[in-house]
């Protein structure tokens, strides 16, 4: 059995499977009990992204840009006096001539149950929502950042990418 497992491991390594950007996080098992802007920026940066606070809106958001140029935001929401217990992670896509089959969009939402895609004024907004009422690990938040990007890729592929940015 050991030679089979070794052969499988070698085959996987030769395929060039990329390690997710969150695989080497420091303190991935650290539990966050509230969402804090500085921790979100630190996490995004540790994952190899650039991150900055956008203070132009009424609720400050962290704008995250991946090395590939994918831009999304992470907003701490559901705030009480002792901290924010929700994290709204979202990306928006525009098209000068948006044509979206709503049946296809509904089907996308059924297949990607932890991510919601919706039409909003000619844009498509892709959203994930996290809660940390009883804590969430830093690694889980990183995983959600990666999963939003994966869902965005599936969304754009399904739309044919034609003009969507």
Foldseek 3Di string as FASTA:
>chain_A
DVVVVVVVVVVVVVVVDDDQLLPPDPQQQDWDQADDPVLVQVLLVSSVWHWDWDPPDPFIWIWIAHPVGFIKIWTQDPADPVHGFKIKIKGKKAAPDDDDDVVVQVVLCVVVVQWHWDDDPRMIMIIGMDGNNPTDGSSVVSVVVVVSVVSVVVVCVVVVVVRID
